[in-house]
Amino acid sequence: MTEEELKKLEKEVKKNKRLASEQAMELHDLIEDRLPEAYGELLGIAQATYVACKAWDEANQKLIAAQAEAA
């Protein structure tokens, strides 16, 4: 894997981490500020947070594997 490809993977990991963090903040705000009244939003926000975290994890595992291969 080229240096450019590794940098692209690193950028993808950072982007996915930011998106996961944003979703986590939305979930946190729901829990802290709007529950129990807004319980109907819980499943949707929790699912979106899970998907964002999973995307980060998959990208991160791909980067780790690529870095190990390059070493």
PDB file of N, CA and C in Angstrom:
ATOM      1  N   MET A   1       0.850  -1.173   0.000  1.00  0.00           N
ATOM      2  CA  MET A   1       0.000   0.000   0.000  1.00  0.00           C
ATOM      3  C   MET A   1       0.895   1.236   0.000  1.00  0.00           C
ATOM      4  N   THR A   2       0.528   2.186  -0.829  1.00  0.00           N
ATOM      5  CA  THR A   2       1.341   3.393  -0.945  1.00  0.00           C
ATOM      6  C   THR A   2       1.081   4.344   0.223  1.00  0.00           C
ATOM      7  N   GLU A   3       1.993   5.275   0.368  1.00  0.00           N
ATOM      8  CA  GLU A   3       1.850   6.297   1.419  1.00  0.00           C
ATOM      9  C   GLU A   3       0.571   7.108   1.209  1.00  0.00           C
ATOM     10  N   GLU A   4       0.270   7.395  -0.034  1.00  0.00           N
ATOM     11  CA  GLU A   4      -0.942   8.153  -0.360  1.00  0.00           C
ATOM     12  C   GLU A   4      -2.200   7.379   0.040  1.00  0.00           C
ATOM     13  N   GLU A   5      -2.206   6.079  -0.198  1.00  0.00           N
ATOM     14  CA  GLU A   5      -3.355   5.248   0.180  1.00  0.00           C
ATOM     15  C   GLU A   5      -3.514   5.187   1.700  1.00  0.00           C
ATOM     16  N   LEU A   6      -2.380   5.113   2.410  1.00  0.00           N
ATOM     17  CA  LEU A   6      -2.439   5.121   3.875  1.00  0.00           C
ATOM     18  C   LEU A   6      -3.007   6.444   4.394  1.00  0.00           C
ATOM     19  N   LYS A   7      -2.589   7.536   3.799  1.00  0.00           N
ATOM     20  CA  LYS A   7      -3.096   8.847   4.216  1.00  0.00           C
ATOM     21  C   LYS A   7      -4.592   8.950   3.940  1.00  0.00           C
ATOM     22  N   LYS A   8      -5.028   8.383   2.838  1.00  0.00           N
ATOM     23  CA  LYS A   8      -6.459   8.384   2.514  1.00  0.00           C
ATOM     24  C   LYS A   8      -7.241   7.587   3.563  1.00  0.00           C
ATOM     25  N   LEU A   9      -6.701   6.447   3.970  1.00  0.00           N
ATOM     26  CA  LEU A   9      -7.345   5.652   5.021  1.00  0.00           C
ATOM     27  C   LEU A   9      -7.374   6.411   6.346  1.00  0.00           C
ATOM     28  N   GLU A  10      -6.274   7.073   6.671  1.00  0.00           N
ATOM     29  CA  GLU A  10      -6.229   7.866   7.911  1.00  0.00           C
ATOM     30  C   GLU A  10      -7.283   8.961   7.890  1.00  0.00           C
ATOM     31  N   LYS A  11      -7.438   9.601   6.751  1.00  0.00           N
ATOM     32  CA  LYS A  11      -8.438  10.661   6.610  1.00  0.00           C
ATOM     33  C   LYS A  11      -9.847  10.088   6.787  1.00  0.00           C
ATOM     34  N   GLU A  12     -10.086   8.911   6.222  1.00  0.00           N
ATOM     35  CA  GLU A  12     -11.387   8.254   6.350  1.00  0.00           C
ATOM     36  C   GLU A  12     -11.675   7.907   7.807  1.00  0.00           C
ATOM     37  N   VAL A  13     -10.666   7.421   8.525  1.00  0.00           N
ATOM     38  CA  VAL A  13     -10.835   7.084   9.937  1.00  0.00           C
ATOM     39  C   VAL A  13     -11.183   8.340  10.734  1.00  0.00           C
ATOM     40  N   LYS A  14     -10.472   9.429  10.483  1.00  0.00           N
ATOM     41  CA  LYS A  14     -10.739  10.680  11.200  1.00  0.00           C
ATOM     42  C   LYS A  14     -12.149  11.184  10.910  1.00  0.00           C
ATOM     43  N   LYS A  15     -12.564  11.109   9.658  1.00  0.00           N
ATOM     44  CA  LYS A  15     -13.906  11.555   9.281  1.00  0.00           C
ATOM     45  C   LYS A  15     -14.962  10.702   9.987  1.00  0.00           C
ATOM     46  N   ASN A  16     -14.778   9.393   9.950  1.00  0.00           N
ATOM     47  CA  ASN A  16     -15.742   8.501  10.584  1.00  0.00           C
ATOM     48  C   ASN A  16     -15.771   8.685  12.101  1.00  0.00           C
ATOM     49  N   LYS A  17     -14.627   8.975  12.688  1.00  0.00           N
ATOM     50  CA  LYS A  17     -14.591   9.220  14.133  1.00  0.00           C
ATOM     51  C   LYS A  17     -15.352  10.497  14.468  1.00  0.00           C
ATOM     52  N   ARG A  18     -15.183  11.517  13.654  1.00  0.00           N
ATOM     53  CA  ARG A  18     -15.916  12.772  13.878  1.00  0.00           C
ATOM     54  C   ARG A  18     -17.417  12.548  13.764  1.00  0.00           C
ATOM     55  N   LEU A  19     -17.839  11.805  12.744  1.00  0.00           N
ATOM     56  CA  LEU A  19     -19.261  11.523  12.570  1.00  0.00           C
ATOM     57  C   LEU A  19     -19.811  10.695  13.732  1.00  0.00           C
ATOM     58  N   ALA A  20     -19.042   9.729  14.200  1.00  0.00           N
ATOM     59  CA  ALA A  20     -19.469   8.916  15.348  1.00  0.00           C
ATOM     60  C   ALA A  20     -19.570   9.782  16.600  1.00  0.00           C
ATOM     61  N   SER A  21     -18.632  10.689  16.777  1.00  0.00           N
ATOM     62  CA  SER A  21     -18.665  11.586  17.932  1.00  0.00           C
ATOM     63  C   SER A  21     -19.886  12.502  17.882  1.00  0.00           C
ATOM     64  N   GLU A  22     -20.209  12.988  16.693  1.00  0.00           N
ATOM     65  CA  GLU A  22     -21.389  13.840  16.549  1.00  0.00           C
ATOM     66  C   GLU A  22     -22.653  13.075  16.897  1.00  0.00           C
ATOM     67  N   GLN A  23     -22.746  11.838  16.449  1.00  0.00           N
ATOM     68  CA  GLN A  23     -23.916  11.019  16.781  1.00  0.00           C
ATOM     69  C   GLN A  23     -23.970  10.731  18.277  1.00  0.00           C
ATOM     70  N   ALA A  24     -22.819  10.471  18.868  1.00  0.00           N
ATOM     71  CA  ALA A  24     -22.769  10.211  20.306  1.00  0.00           C
ATOM     72  C   ALA A  24     -23.229  11.440  21.087  1.00  0.00           C
ATOM     73  N   MET A  25     -22.861  12.627  20.617  1.00  0.00           N
ATOM     74  CA  MET A  25     -23.303  13.855  21.289  1.00  0.00           C
ATOM     75  C   MET A  25     -24.816  14.020  21.177  1.00  0.00           C
ATOM     76  N   GLU A  26     -25.360  13.667  20.025  1.00  0.00           N
ATOM     77  CA  GLU A  26     -26.810  13.748  19.846  1.00  0.00           C
ATOM     78  C   GLU A  26     -27.518  12.782  20.803  1.00  0.00           C
ATOM     79  N   LEU A  27     -26.985  11.586  20.928  1.00  0.00           N
ATOM     80  CA  LEU A  27     -27.547  10.611  21.861  1.00  0.00           C
ATOM     81  C   LEU A  27     -27.427  11.112  23.295  1.00  0.00           C
ATOM     82  N   HIS A  28     -26.292  11.664  23.630  1.00  0.00           N
ATOM     83  CA  HIS A  28     -26.075  12.213  24.971  1.00  0.00           C
ATOM     84  C   HIS A  28     -27.072  13.333  25.270  1.00  0.00           C
ATOM     85  N   ASP A  29     -27.257  14.228  24.309  1.00  0.00           N
ATOM     86  CA  ASP A  29     -28.204  15.325  24.504  1.00  0.00           C
ATOM     87  C   ASP A  29     -29.622  14.802  24.716  1.00  0.00           C
ATOM     88  N   LEU A  30     -29.994  13.784  23.958  1.00  0.00           N
ATOM     89  CA  LEU A  30     -31.308  13.177  24.137  1.00  0.00           C
ATOM     90  C   LEU A  30     -31.454  12.640  25.558  1.00  0.00           C
ATOM     91  N   ILE A  31     -30.459  11.907  26.006  1.00  0.00           N
ATOM     92  CA  ILE A  31     -30.511  11.297  27.331  1.00  0.00           C
ATOM     93  C   ILE A  31     -30.524  12.353  28.425  1.00  0.00           C
ATOM     94  N   GLU A  32     -29.665  13.332  28.299  1.00  0.00           N
ATOM     95  CA  GLU A  32     -29.531  14.350  29.347  1.00  0.00           C
ATOM     96  C   GLU A  32     -30.689  15.339  29.379  1.00  0.00           C
ATOM     97  N   ASP A  33     -31.186  15.730  28.212  1.00  0.00           N
ATOM     98  CA  ASP A  33     -32.096  16.856  28.156  1.00  0.00           C
ATOM     99  C   ASP A  33     -33.550  16.519  27.832  1.00  0.00           C
ATOM    100  N   ARG A  34     -33.783  15.437  27.101  1.00  0.00           N
ATOM    101  CA  ARG A  34     -35.133  15.259  26.564  1.00  0.00           C
ATOM    102  C   ARG A  34     -35.848  14.005  27.017  1.00  0.00           C
ATOM    103  N   LEU A  35     -35.156  13.088  27.674  1.00  0.00           N
ATOM    104  CA  LEU A  35     -35.839  11.897  28.169  1.00  0.00           C
ATOM    105  C   LEU A  35     -36.497  12.217  29.498  1.00  0.00           C
ATOM    106  N   PRO A  36     -37.560  11.619  29.855  1.00  0.00           N
ATOM    107  CA  PRO A  36     -38.266  10.525  29.186  1.00  0.00           C
ATOM    108  C   PRO A  36     -39.265  10.975  28.121  1.00  0.00           C
ATOM    109  N   GLU A  37     -39.536  12.273  28.016  1.00  0.00           N
ATOM    110  CA  GLU A  37     -40.559  12.740  27.080  1.00  0.00           C
ATOM    111  C   GLU A  37     -40.275  12.345  25.631  1.00  0.00           C
ATOM    112  N   ALA A  38     -39.028  12.349  25.231  1.00  0.00           N
ATOM    113  CA  ALA A  38     -38.668  12.094  23.835  1.00  0.00           C
ATOM    114  C   ALA A  38     -38.212  10.648  23.616  1.00  0.00           C
ATOM    115  N   TYR A  39     -38.757   9.740  24.412  1.00  0.00           N
ATOM    116  CA  TYR A  39     -38.318   8.340  24.294  1.00  0.00           C
ATOM    117  C   TYR A  39     -38.537   7.767  22.897  1.00  0.00           C
ATOM    118  N   GLY A  40     -39.458   8.317  22.152  1.00  0.00           N
ATOM    119  CA  GLY A  40     -39.720   7.838  20.793  1.00  0.00           C
ATOM    120  C   GLY A  40     -38.550   8.051  19.844  1.00  0.00           C
ATOM    121  N   GLU A  41     -37.666   8.963  20.175  1.00  0.00           N
ATOM    122  CA  GLU A  41     -36.489   9.233  19.342  1.00  0.00           C
ATOM    123  C   GLU A  41     -35.319   8.309  19.674  1.00  0.00           C
ATOM    124  N   LEU A  42     -35.403   7.637  20.784  1.00  0.00           N
ATOM    125  CA  LEU A  42     -34.264   6.883  21.302  1.00  0.00           C
ATOM    126  C   LEU A  42     -33.747   5.814  20.346  1.00  0.00           C
ATOM    127  N   LEU A  43     -34.631   4.987  19.820  1.00  0.00           N
ATOM    128  CA  LEU A  43     -34.176   3.901  18.940  1.00  0.00           C
ATOM    129  C   LEU A  43     -33.510   4.412  17.668  1.00  0.00           C
ATOM    130  N   GLY A  44     -34.082   5.446  17.060  1.00  0.00           N
ATOM    131  CA  GLY A  44     -33.508   5.989  15.831  1.00  0.00           C
ATOM    132  C   GLY A  44     -32.123   6.587  16.055  1.00  0.00           C
ATOM    133  N   ILE A  45     -31.987   7.368  17.117  1.00  0.00           N
ATOM    134  CA  ILE A  45     -30.696   7.996  17.406  1.00  0.00           C
ATOM    135  C   ILE A  45     -29.682   6.949  17.836  1.00  0.00           C
ATOM    136  N   ALA A  46     -30.122   5.980  18.638  1.00  0.00           N
ATOM    137  CA  ALA A  46     -29.207   4.922  19.061  1.00  0.00           C
ATOM    138  C   ALA A  46     -28.737   4.103  17.854  1.00  0.00           C
ATOM    139  N   GLN A  47     -29.629   3.799  16.929  1.00  0.00           N
ATOM    140  CA  GLN A  47     -29.257   3.037  15.729  1.00  0.00           C
ATOM    141  C   GLN A  47     -28.279   3.831  14.872  1.00  0.00           C
ATOM    142  N   ALA A  48     -28.532   5.117  14.698  1.00  0.00           N
ATOM    143  CA  ALA A  48     -27.627   5.957  13.909  1.00  0.00           C
ATOM    144  C   ALA A  48     -26.253   6.036  14.573  1.00  0.00           C
ATOM    145  N   THR A  49     -26.228   6.101  15.889  1.00  0.00           N
ATOM    146  CA  THR A  49     -24.962   6.134  16.620  1.00  0.00           C
ATOM    147  C   THR A  49     -24.214   4.821  16.434  1.00  0.00           C
ATOM    148  N   TYR A  50     -24.928   3.711  16.526  1.00  0.00           N
ATOM    149  CA  TYR A  50     -24.316   2.390  16.328  1.00  0.00           C
ATOM    150  C   TYR A  50     -23.712   2.281  14.925  1.00  0.00           C
ATOM    151  N   VAL A  51     -24.457   2.693  13.926  1.00  0.00           N
ATOM    152  CA  VAL A  51     -23.986   2.616  12.535  1.00  0.00           C
ATOM    153  C   VAL A  51     -22.735   3.480  12.345  1.00  0.00           C
ATOM    154  N   ALA A  52     -22.743   4.684  12.915  1.00  0.00           N
ATOM    155  CA  ALA A  52     -21.588   5.574  12.787  1.00  0.00           C
ATOM    156  C   ALA A  52     -20.361   4.991  13.482  1.00  0.00           C
ATOM    157  N   CYS A  53     -20.559   4.422  14.661  1.00  0.00           N
ATOM    158  CA  CYS A  53     -19.440   3.817  15.390  1.00  0.00           C
ATOM    159  C   CYS A  53     -18.908   2.588  14.664  1.00  0.00           C
ATOM    160  N   LYS A  54     -19.803   1.803  14.090  1.00  0.00           N
ATOM    161  CA  LYS A  54     -19.392   0.614  13.338  1.00  0.00           C
ATOM    162  C   LYS A  54     -18.587   1.016  12.102  1.00  0.00           C
ATOM    163  N   ALA A  55     -19.009   2.079  11.421  1.00  0.00           N
ATOM    164  CA  ALA A  55     -18.265   2.559  10.244  1.00  0.00           C
ATOM    165  C   ALA A  55     -16.871   2.997  10.651  1.00  0.00           C
ATOM    166  N   TRP A  56     -16.766   3.694  11.795  1.00  0.00           N
ATOM    167  CA  TRP A  56     -15.445   4.096  12.286  1.00  0.00           C
ATOM    168  C   TRP A  56     -14.599   2.861  12.585  1.00  0.00           C
ATOM    169  N   ASP A  57     -15.166   1.890  13.282  1.00  0.00           N
ATOM    170  CA  ASP A  57     -14.422   0.691  13.660  1.00  0.00           C
ATOM    171  C   ASP A  57     -13.914  -0.058  12.429  1.00  0.00           C
ATOM    172  N   GLU A  58     -14.764  -0.201  11.434  1.00  0.00           N
ATOM    173  CA  GLU A  58     -14.354  -0.910  10.213  1.00  0.00           C
ATOM    174  C   GLU A  58     -13.225  -0.160   9.502  1.00  0.00           C
ATOM    175  N   ALA A  59     -13.345   1.152   9.408  1.00  0.00           N
ATOM    176  CA  ALA A  59     -12.290   1.946   8.764  1.00  0.00           C
ATOM    177  C   ALA A  59     -11.001   1.872   9.574  1.00  0.00           C
ATOM    178  N   ASN A  60     -11.124   1.921  10.894  1.00  0.00           N
ATOM    179  CA  ASN A  60      -9.951   1.866  11.759  1.00  0.00           C
ATOM    180  C   ASN A  60      -9.254   0.509  11.658  1.00  0.00           C
ATOM    181  N   GLN A  61     -10.013  -0.567  11.621  1.00  0.00           N
ATOM    182  CA  GLN A  61      -9.416  -1.899  11.479  1.00  0.00           C
ATOM    183  C   GLN A  61      -8.703  -2.045  10.131  1.00  0.00           C
ATOM    184  N   LYS A  62      -9.293  -1.460   9.108  1.00  0.00           N
ATOM    185  CA  LYS A  62      -8.666  -1.479   7.783  1.00  0.00           C
ATOM    186  C   LYS A  62      -7.351  -0.710   7.803  1.00  0.00           C
ATOM    187  N   LEU A  63      -7.332   0.434   8.473  1.00  0.00           N
ATOM    188  CA  LEU A  63      -6.107   1.230   8.586  1.00  0.00           C
ATOM    189  C   LEU A  63      -5.043   0.473   9.382  1.00  0.00           C
ATOM    190  N   ILE A  64      -5.420  -0.107  10.496  1.00  0.00           N
ATOM    191  CA  ILE A  64      -4.470  -0.869  11.320  1.00  0.00           C
ATOM    192  C   ILE A  64      -3.839  -2.003  10.507  1.00  0.00           C
ATOM    193  N   ALA A  65      -4.660  -2.716   9.763  1.00  0.00           N
ATOM    194  CA  ALA A  65      -4.147  -3.813   8.940  1.00  0.00           C
ATOM    195  C   ALA A  65      -3.190  -3.294   7.865  1.00  0.00           C
ATOM    196  N   ALA A  66      -3.551  -2.172   7.257  1.00  0.00           N
ATOM    197  CA  ALA A  66      -2.703  -1.603   6.209  1.00  0.00           C
ATOM    198  C   ALA A  66      -1.381  -1.111   6.775  1.00  0.00           C
ATOM    199  N   GLN A  67      -1.433  -0.520   7.967  1.00  0.00           N
ATOM    200  CA  GLN A  67      -0.198  -0.048   8.601  1.00  0.00           C
ATOM    201  C   GLN A  67       0.697  -1.220   8.973  1.00  0.00           C
ATOM    202  N   ALA A  68       0.105  -2.301   9.462  1.00  0.00           N
ATOM    203  CA  ALA A  68       0.894  -3.480   9.819  1.00  0.00           C
ATOM    204  C   ALA A  68       1.526  -4.097   8.582  1.00  0.00           C
ATOM    205  N   GLU A  69       0.792  -4.098   7.494  1.00  0.00           N
ATOM    206  CA  GLU A  69       1.299  -4.636   6.228  1.00  0.00           C
ATOM    207  C   GLU A  69       2.442  -3.790   5.684  1.00  0.00           C
ATOM    208  N   ALA A  70       2.332  -2.479   5.865  1.00  0.00           N
ATOM    209  CA  ALA A  70       3.351  -1.556   5.361  1.00  0.00           C
ATOM    210  C   ALA A  70       4.631  -1.573   6.202  1.00  0.00           C
ATOM    211  N   ALA A  71       4.530  -2.012   7.438  1.00  0.00           N
ATOM    212  CA  ALA A  71       5.694  -1.986   8.340  1.00  0.00           C
ATOM    213  C   ALA A  71       6.682  -3.071   8.047  1.00  0.00           C
TER     214      ALA A  71
END
